[in-house]
Amino acid sequence: MKAVELFTAVPRCYNCAQAVAAGAGREELVPELANAGGGRAPDGLCGALFAAQSMVPESGRNALREVFSAELGACRCRELKAAGVPCVRCVEFAAELLEKEQ
C-alpha cells in the first residue's frame, strides 16, 4: 500500500497525514498537512484519519470517523497511542477506508 510505503520510508519525509494524502495521489495536500501528524490535527484527531476525512465529501466524514473508531478503538491520536495502536496501522486503515470511498 502506497501510504504505508511512504510513511515507513527512510529517511522519513511524510508524517501520517501526509502519507495518506500522498498515497492517494493528492500531493497538493502534503504541505498543508505538515502540522497534522503526531497528534496535532484539530481536536487531537489521528492525522491519518484527518487526512482521509479531508479527501471525502463532508457528508461522508462522520461515517469514516465512526468506522475508523470502531475498528481501531479510538479516533484521537493520544487515545490510539495509549491503546497501543501503532501509527502505521492508522495510516494503513485510513488509506483503506479512503480507497473504499473513492
Protein backbone atom coordinates (compact mmCIF):
# COMPACT_ATOMS: atom_id res chain seq x y z
CA MET A 1 0.00 0.00 0.00
CA LYS A 2 1.47 3.30 -1.14
CA ALA A 3 0.57 5.29 2.00
CA VAL A 4 2.32 2.77 4.27
CA GLU A 5 5.37 2.71 1.98
CA LEU A 6 5.62 6.49 2.13
CA PHE A 7 5.11 6.60 5.90
CA THR A 8 7.76 3.99 6.65
CA ALA A 9 10.34 5.08 4.06
CA VAL A 10 13.76 6.10 5.31
CA PRO A 11 14.55 8.93 5.50
CA ARG A 12 11.18 9.96 6.85
CA CYS A 13 9.65 12.52 4.55
CA TYR A 14 5.96 12.19 5.41
CA ASN A 15 4.00 12.26 8.66
CA CYS A 16 0.90 10.07 8.95
CA ALA A 17 -1.46 12.62 7.41
CA GLN A 18 0.89 13.46 4.56
CA ALA A 19 1.46 9.78 3.78
CA VAL A 20 -2.28 9.13 3.46
CA ALA A 21 -2.70 12.13 1.14
CA ALA A 22 0.35 11.36 -0.99
CA GLY A 23 -0.59 7.68 -1.13
CA ALA A 24 -3.96 8.70 -2.55
CA GLY A 25 -2.25 10.79 -5.21
CA ARG A 26 -3.09 14.09 -3.55
CA GLU A 27 0.42 15.58 -3.35
CA GLU A 28 -1.06 19.08 -3.35
CA LEU A 29 -2.35 18.44 0.20
CA VAL A 30 1.05 17.41 1.60
CA PRO A 31 2.23 20.92 2.56
CA GLU A 32 -0.97 21.84 4.38
CA LEU A 33 -0.93 18.53 6.30
CA ALA A 34 2.60 19.10 7.61
CA ASN A 35 1.21 20.09 11.02
CA ALA A 36 -1.46 17.39 11.21
CA GLY A 37 0.76 14.49 12.32
CA GLY A 38 1.79 13.46 15.80
CA GLY A 39 -1.49 14.35 17.46
CA ARG A 40 -1.56 17.90 16.13
CA ALA A 41 -4.60 17.54 13.87
CA PRO A 42 -7.62 19.54 15.02
CA ASP A 43 -9.17 18.25 18.26
CA GLY A 44 -6.26 15.78 18.66
CA LEU A 45 -7.67 13.65 15.86
CA CYS A 46 -5.43 10.97 14.35
CA GLY A 47 -3.60 12.65 11.50
CA ALA A 48 -4.16 9.73 9.15
CA LEU A 49 -7.90 9.89 9.77
CA PHE A 50 -7.89 13.68 9.45
CA ALA A 51 -6.23 13.42 6.04
CA ALA A 52 -8.68 10.77 4.85
CA GLN A 53 -11.62 12.86 6.02
CA SER A 54 -10.27 15.89 4.18
CA MET A 55 -10.44 13.96 0.91
CA VAL A 56 -14.05 12.77 1.11
CA PRO A 57 -17.23 14.80 0.81
CA GLU A 58 -18.36 16.37 4.07
CA SER A 59 -21.40 14.09 4.09
CA GLY A 60 -19.14 11.03 4.41
CA ARG A 61 -16.76 12.28 7.10
CA ASN A 62 -18.72 11.17 10.15
CA ALA A 63 -19.19 7.67 8.77
CA LEU A 64 -15.47 7.44 8.05
CA ARG A 65 -14.70 8.51 11.61
CA GLU A 66 -17.16 6.00 13.07
CA VAL A 67 -15.73 3.07 11.09
CA PHE A 68 -12.17 4.09 11.99
CA SER A 69 -13.04 4.34 15.68
CA ALA A 70 -14.96 1.05 15.68
CA GLU A 71 -12.03 -0.79 14.08
CA LEU A 72 -9.14 0.76 15.99
CA GLY A 73 -10.86 1.68 19.26
CA ALA A 74 -10.49 5.46 19.07
CA CYS A 75 -10.10 8.33 16.66
CA ARG A 76 -7.81 10.64 18.64
CA CYS A 77 -4.06 10.18 18.43
CA ARG A 78 -3.46 10.18 22.18
CA GLU A 79 -6.12 7.52 22.78
CA LEU A 80 -4.83 5.34 19.95
CA LYS A 81 -1.28 5.50 21.29
CA ALA A 82 -2.46 4.74 24.83
CA ALA A 83 -4.23 1.65 23.48
CA GLY A 84 -1.04 0.54 21.74
CA VAL A 85 -2.26 1.06 18.18
CA PRO A 86 0.82 1.76 16.03
CA CYS A 87 0.76 4.78 13.74
CA VAL A 88 1.47 2.59 10.73
CA ARG A 89 -1.79 0.71 11.39
CA CYS A 90 -3.68 4.01 11.47
CA VAL A 91 -2.11 5.02 8.16
CA GLU A 92 -2.95 1.65 6.65
CA PHE A 93 -6.57 1.63 7.79
CA ALA A 94 -7.23 5.28 6.90
CA ALA A 95 -5.86 4.61 3.41
CA GLU A 96 -8.06 1.51 3.09
CA LEU A 97 -11.13 3.48 4.09
CA LEU A 98 -10.26 6.22 1.65
CA GLU A 99 -9.89 3.72 -1.19
CA LYS A 100 -13.37 2.36 -0.46
CA GLU A 101 -14.82 5.87 -0.55
CA GLN A 102 -13.39 6.69 -3.95
